[in-house]
Structure formats: C-alpha cells, structure tokens
C-alpha cells in the first residue's frame, strides 16, 4: 500500500498525497466515465499549471511543468488494445543562480 500523509484540513477525512511518496491506484470504469475524467483532466491541463485528483478517501495535488510526454500504443494482435499514457513532469520553483 502507498504511503500518504494526513490532510491539512481537520474537517476532511481525505488523505493528501504529498511529494516524496509513491502512490498508485488503478480503476476499472466504463468508457463514458473514463471520457468524463479525461475531459476534466484536459480542462485542468489547459487552464492551469496545477491539477488535483480527488476521491472520497484521498486527494493528489500536483504542480506540473513542461513538456508533457504523451505516448500512444496500439496492440492490434489478438485482442486489440489501445493504451494512452500521459506523463507530466513536476514543476520546480528553483531559479538559476546569478552570474557575476
């Protein structure tokens, strides 16, 4: 099971997933529900430089940078399958040092 820290909001029972930890969850949903998730995700990617993924039990805030890595993998042998993977690099607040 993944490590997570308790959220900062005392009124919420949600666990906030923080940087420095690994976390992974898989969901089996129907295509229309996956589409709604992808549309909402796409809107956050388009409109902001941070996104938050939330369930009743946990939330995962993530400040992302560029460039995004998008991979499309089609397996047409046997039972055809299409895999779409998006990898977002984390944003850093570091600045370059001064040159004197």
N, C-alpha and C. Protein backbone atom coordinates (compact mmCIF):
# COMPACT_ATOMS: atom_id res chain seq x y z
N UNK A 1 0.83 -1.18 0.00
CA UNK A 1 0.00 0.00 0.00
C UNK A 1 0.88 1.24 0.00
N UNK A 2 0.44 2.30 -0.65
CA UNK A 2 1.23 3.52 -0.78
C UNK A 2 1.22 4.31 0.51
N UNK A 3 2.31 5.06 0.72
CA UNK A 3 2.39 5.95 1.86
C UNK A 3 1.71 7.26 1.54
N UNK A 4 1.09 7.86 2.55
CA UNK A 4 0.45 9.16 2.38
C UNK A 4 0.42 9.84 3.74
N UNK A 5 0.33 11.15 3.73
CA UNK A 5 0.23 11.92 4.95
C UNK A 5 -1.21 12.36 5.13
N UNK A 6 -1.60 12.55 6.38
CA UNK A 6 -2.94 13.05 6.67
C UNK A 6 -3.08 14.45 6.08
N UNK A 7 -4.28 14.78 5.62
CA UNK A 7 -4.54 16.09 5.05
C UNK A 7 -4.45 17.18 6.09
N UNK A 8 -4.32 18.41 5.61
CA UNK A 8 -4.22 19.56 6.49
C UNK A 8 -5.58 20.04 6.96
N UNK A 9 -6.65 19.68 6.29
CA UNK A 9 -7.99 20.14 6.62
C UNK A 9 -8.59 19.26 7.71
N UNK A 10 -8.76 19.77 8.94
CA UNK A 10 -9.29 18.95 10.02
C UNK A 10 -10.74 18.51 9.80
N UNK A 11 -11.47 19.19 8.91
CA UNK A 11 -12.86 18.82 8.65
C UNK A 11 -12.98 17.73 7.59
N UNK A 12 -11.89 17.41 6.92
CA UNK A 12 -11.90 16.42 5.86
C UNK A 12 -11.25 15.12 6.34
N UNK A 13 -11.85 14.01 5.96
CA UNK A 13 -11.26 12.71 6.28
C UNK A 13 -10.35 12.24 5.15
N UNK A 14 -10.17 13.07 4.11
CA UNK A 14 -9.34 12.73 2.97
C UNK A 14 -7.86 12.78 3.34
N UNK A 15 -7.11 11.84 2.81
CA UNK A 15 -5.65 11.84 2.93
C UNK A 15 -5.08 12.61 1.76
N UNK A 16 -4.15 13.51 2.02
CA UNK A 16 -3.48 14.25 0.96
C UNK A 16 -2.18 13.54 0.61
N UNK A 17 -2.03 13.20 -0.66
CA UNK A 17 -0.82 12.53 -1.15
C UNK A 17 0.22 13.62 -1.38
N UNK A 18 1.37 13.48 -0.75
CA UNK A 18 2.40 14.53 -0.79
C UNK A 18 3.63 14.10 -1.58
N UNK A 19 4.40 15.10 -2.02
CA UNK A 19 5.66 14.87 -2.70
C UNK A 19 6.59 14.09 -1.77
N UNK A 20 7.41 13.23 -2.35
CA UNK A 20 8.34 12.42 -1.56
C UNK A 20 7.79 11.04 -1.27
N UNK A 21 6.60 10.74 -1.74
CA UNK A 21 5.97 9.43 -1.53
C UNK A 21 5.57 8.84 -2.88
N UNK A 22 5.46 7.53 -2.95
CA UNK A 22 4.93 6.86 -4.13
C UNK A 22 3.48 6.54 -3.89
N UNK A 23 2.67 6.63 -4.94
CA UNK A 23 1.24 6.37 -4.82
C UNK A 23 0.75 5.86 -6.17
N UNK A 24 -0.04 4.82 -6.16
CA UNK A 24 -0.59 4.28 -7.40
C UNK A 24 -1.94 3.65 -7.13
N UNK A 25 -2.91 3.94 -7.98
CA UNK A 25 -4.22 3.32 -7.92
C UNK A 25 -4.68 3.04 -9.34
N UNK A 26 -5.39 1.95 -9.53
CA UNK A 26 -5.98 1.63 -10.83
C UNK A 26 -7.48 1.57 -10.67
N UNK A 27 -8.20 1.97 -11.71
CA UNK A 27 -9.65 1.99 -11.69
C UNK A 27 -10.16 1.29 -12.94
N UNK A 28 -11.20 0.49 -12.79
CA UNK A 28 -11.89 -0.11 -13.93
C UNK A 28 -13.23 0.59 -14.02
N UNK A 29 -13.38 1.41 -15.07
CA UNK A 29 -14.59 2.20 -15.26
C UNK A 29 -15.09 2.01 -16.68
N UNK A 30 -16.34 2.37 -16.93
CA UNK A 30 -16.82 2.28 -18.31
C UNK A 30 -16.25 3.44 -19.13
N UNK A 31 -16.33 3.31 -20.44
CA UNK A 31 -15.70 4.28 -21.35
C UNK A 31 -16.24 5.68 -21.16
N UNK A 32 -17.54 5.84 -20.91
CA UNK A 32 -18.09 7.19 -20.76
C UNK A 32 -17.57 7.86 -19.49
N UNK A 33 -17.41 7.11 -18.42
CA UNK A 33 -16.85 7.66 -17.18
C UNK A 33 -15.37 8.02 -17.38
N UNK A 34 -14.63 7.19 -18.09
CA UNK A 34 -13.23 7.50 -18.40
C UNK A 34 -13.16 8.76 -19.25
N UNK A 35 -14.09 8.91 -20.19
CA UNK A 35 -14.12 10.10 -21.03
C UNK A 35 -14.38 11.36 -20.22
N UNK A 36 -15.31 11.29 -19.27
CA UNK A 36 -15.58 12.44 -18.40
C UNK A 36 -14.34 12.81 -17.58
N UNK A 37 -13.64 11.80 -17.08
CA UNK A 37 -12.41 12.05 -16.33
C UNK A 37 -11.36 12.73 -17.22
N UNK A 38 -11.20 12.21 -18.43
CA UNK A 38 -10.19 12.77 -19.34
C UNK A 38 -10.54 14.21 -19.76
N UNK A 39 -11.81 14.50 -19.97
CA UNK A 39 -12.23 15.87 -20.30
C UNK A 39 -11.90 16.81 -19.14
N UNK A 40 -12.26 16.41 -17.92
CA UNK A 40 -11.97 17.25 -16.74
C UNK A 40 -10.46 17.42 -16.57
N UNK A 41 -9.70 16.36 -16.78
CA UNK A 41 -8.24 16.44 -16.69
C UNK A 41 -7.70 17.38 -17.77
N UNK A 42 -8.19 17.24 -18.98
CA UNK A 42 -7.76 18.10 -20.08
C UNK A 42 -8.05 19.56 -19.81
N UNK A 43 -9.20 19.85 -19.23
CA UNK A 43 -9.53 21.24 -18.90
C UNK A 43 -8.58 21.80 -17.86
N UNK A 44 -8.22 21.01 -16.85
CA UNK A 44 -7.26 21.48 -15.86
C UNK A 44 -5.89 21.69 -16.49
N UNK A 45 -5.46 20.80 -17.37
CA UNK A 45 -4.17 20.95 -18.04
C UNK A 45 -4.15 22.20 -18.92
N UNK A 46 -5.25 22.47 -19.59
CA UNK A 46 -5.33 23.62 -20.48
C UNK A 46 -5.38 24.94 -19.70
N UNK A 47 -6.10 24.95 -18.59
CA UNK A 47 -6.41 26.21 -17.90
C UNK A 47 -5.48 26.57 -16.76
N UNK A 48 -4.65 25.66 -16.30
CA UNK A 48 -3.88 25.91 -15.10
C UNK A 48 -2.52 25.24 -15.20
N UNK A 49 -1.68 25.43 -14.21
CA UNK A 49 -0.41 24.72 -14.15
C UNK A 49 -0.34 23.82 -12.93
N UNK A 50 -1.51 23.58 -12.35
CA UNK A 50 -1.67 22.63 -11.25
C UNK A 50 -2.95 21.86 -11.46
N UNK A 51 -2.98 20.63 -10.98
CA UNK A 51 -4.22 19.86 -11.01
C UNK A 51 -4.36 19.11 -9.70
N UNK A 52 -5.58 18.74 -9.39
CA UNK A 52 -5.85 17.95 -8.20
C UNK A 52 -6.80 16.82 -8.58
N UNK A 53 -6.40 15.60 -8.26
CA UNK A 53 -7.23 14.42 -8.48
C UNK A 53 -7.78 14.02 -7.12
N UNK A 54 -9.10 13.78 -7.04
CA UNK A 54 -9.76 13.60 -5.74
C UNK A 54 -10.69 12.39 -5.77
N UNK A 55 -10.67 11.62 -4.68
CA UNK A 55 -11.70 10.61 -4.40
C UNK A 55 -12.26 10.92 -3.02
N UNK A 56 -13.17 10.08 -2.54
CA UNK A 56 -13.69 10.27 -1.18
C UNK A 56 -12.61 10.05 -0.13
N UNK A 57 -11.61 9.21 -0.43
CA UNK A 57 -10.59 8.85 0.55
C UNK A 57 -9.30 9.67 0.46
N UNK A 58 -8.94 10.18 -0.72
CA UNK A 58 -7.65 10.86 -0.88
C UNK A 58 -7.74 11.96 -1.92
N UNK A 59 -6.75 12.86 -1.87
CA UNK A 59 -6.59 13.87 -2.92
C UNK A 59 -5.12 13.98 -3.26
N UNK A 60 -4.86 14.23 -4.53
CA UNK A 60 -3.50 14.30 -5.04
C UNK A 60 -3.31 15.62 -5.78
N UNK A 61 -2.78 16.64 -5.10
CA UNK A 61 -2.46 17.90 -5.78
C UNK A 61 -1.12 17.77 -6.48
N UNK A 62 -1.00 18.35 -7.69
CA UNK A 62 0.25 18.22 -8.44
C UNK A 62 0.48 19.47 -9.27
N UNK A 63 1.60 20.13 -9.04
CA UNK A 63 2.02 21.28 -9.84
C UNK A 63 2.92 20.73 -10.95
N UNK A 64 2.50 20.89 -12.20
CA UNK A 64 3.25 20.28 -13.30
C UNK A 64 3.98 21.31 -14.14
N UNK A 65 5.00 20.83 -14.82
CA UNK A 65 5.79 21.66 -15.72
C UNK A 65 5.64 21.18 -17.15
N UNK A 66 6.58 21.54 -17.98
CA UNK A 66 6.57 21.15 -19.39
C UNK A 66 7.94 20.63 -19.76
N UNK A 67 8.06 19.86 -20.80
CA UNK A 67 6.99 19.40 -21.67
C UNK A 67 6.34 18.12 -21.14
N UNK A 68 5.11 17.93 -21.53
CA UNK A 68 4.39 16.69 -21.20
C UNK A 68 4.83 15.61 -22.19
N UNK A 69 4.84 14.37 -21.74
CA UNK A 69 5.20 13.24 -22.58
C UNK A 69 3.93 12.45 -22.84
N UNK A 70 3.52 12.35 -24.09
CA UNK A 70 2.31 11.64 -24.48
C UNK A 70 2.70 10.46 -25.34
N UNK A 71 2.25 9.26 -24.94
CA UNK A 71 2.58 8.04 -25.67
C UNK A 71 1.30 7.33 -26.06
N UNK A 72 1.23 6.91 -27.33
CA UNK A 72 0.07 6.16 -27.83
C UNK A 72 0.60 4.81 -28.29
N UNK A 73 0.02 3.73 -27.73
CA UNK A 73 0.47 2.37 -28.02
C UNK A 73 -0.74 1.54 -28.45
N UNK A 74 -0.73 1.10 -29.71
CA UNK A 74 -1.81 0.26 -30.23
C UNK A 74 -1.29 -1.15 -30.42
N UNK A 75 -1.97 -2.12 -29.81
CA UNK A 75 -1.65 -3.53 -29.97
C UNK A 75 -2.77 -4.16 -30.78
N UNK A 76 -2.51 -4.41 -32.05
CA UNK A 76 -3.55 -4.94 -32.94
C UNK A 76 -3.53 -6.44 -33.09
N UNK A 77 -2.70 -7.15 -32.33
CA UNK A 77 -2.59 -8.60 -32.43
C UNK A 77 -3.48 -9.23 -31.36
N UNK A 78 -4.23 -10.27 -31.74
CA UNK A 78 -5.12 -10.93 -30.78
C UNK A 78 -6.28 -10.02 -30.42
N UNK A 79 -6.47 -9.76 -29.13
CA UNK A 79 -7.49 -8.83 -28.68
C UNK A 79 -6.92 -7.42 -28.79
N UNK A 80 -7.40 -6.61 -29.75
CA UNK A 80 -6.83 -5.27 -29.93
C UNK A 80 -6.98 -4.43 -28.65
N UNK A 81 -5.97 -3.63 -28.40
CA UNK A 81 -5.98 -2.75 -27.23
C UNK A 81 -5.26 -1.45 -27.57
N UNK A 82 -5.74 -0.37 -27.01
CA UNK A 82 -5.14 0.94 -27.19
C UNK A 82 -4.76 1.48 -25.83
N UNK A 83 -3.51 1.88 -25.68
CA UNK A 83 -3.04 2.45 -24.42
C UNK A 83 -2.58 3.87 -24.69
N UNK A 84 -3.08 4.81 -23.88
CA UNK A 84 -2.68 6.21 -23.98
C UNK A 84 -2.10 6.59 -22.63
N UNK A 85 -0.85 7.04 -22.65
CA UNK A 85 -0.16 7.37 -21.41
C UNK A 85 0.29 8.83 -21.46
N UNK A 86 0.04 9.55 -20.38
CA UNK A 86 0.47 10.93 -20.25
C UNK A 86 1.37 11.03 -19.04
N UNK A 87 2.56 11.56 -19.24
CA UNK A 87 3.49 11.76 -18.13
C UNK A 87 3.77 13.25 -18.02
N UNK A 88 3.50 13.80 -16.84
CA UNK A 88 3.73 15.22 -16.58
C UNK A 88 4.91 15.39 -15.64
N UNK A 89 5.89 16.19 -16.02
CA UNK A 89 6.98 16.43 -15.09
C UNK A 89 6.51 17.37 -13.98
N UNK A 90 7.06 17.19 -12.79
CA UNK A 90 6.75 18.09 -11.70
C UNK A 90 7.38 19.45 -11.95
N UNK A 91 6.71 20.47 -11.48
CA UNK A 91 7.24 21.81 -11.62
C UNK A 91 8.17 22.11 -10.46
N UNK A 92 9.26 22.76 -10.76
CA UNK A 92 10.18 23.16 -9.72
C UNK A 92 10.11 24.67 -9.57
N UNK A 93 10.28 25.14 -8.36
CA UNK A 93 10.30 26.57 -8.12
C UNK A 93 11.72 27.10 -8.06
N UNK A 94 12.69 26.25 -8.43
CA UNK A 94 14.09 26.67 -8.44
C UNK A 94 14.31 27.71 -9.53
N UNK A 95 15.23 28.62 -9.25
CA UNK A 95 15.65 29.60 -10.26
C UNK A 95 17.14 29.43 -10.50
N UNK A 96 17.58 29.85 -11.65
CA UNK A 96 19.00 29.74 -11.97
C UNK A 96 19.81 30.69 -11.09
N UNK A 97 21.05 30.30 -10.77
CA UNK A 97 21.88 31.20 -9.96
C UNK A 97 22.32 32.42 -10.77
N UNK A 98 22.71 33.47 -10.07
CA UNK A 98 23.21 34.67 -10.73
C UNK A 98 24.63 34.47 -11.19
N UNK A 99 25.01 35.14 -12.27
CA UNK A 99 26.38 35.15 -12.78
C UNK A 99 26.95 36.54 -12.50
N UNK A 100 28.07 36.60 -11.85
CA UNK A 100 28.68 37.90 -11.56
C UNK A 100 30.04 38.01 -12.18
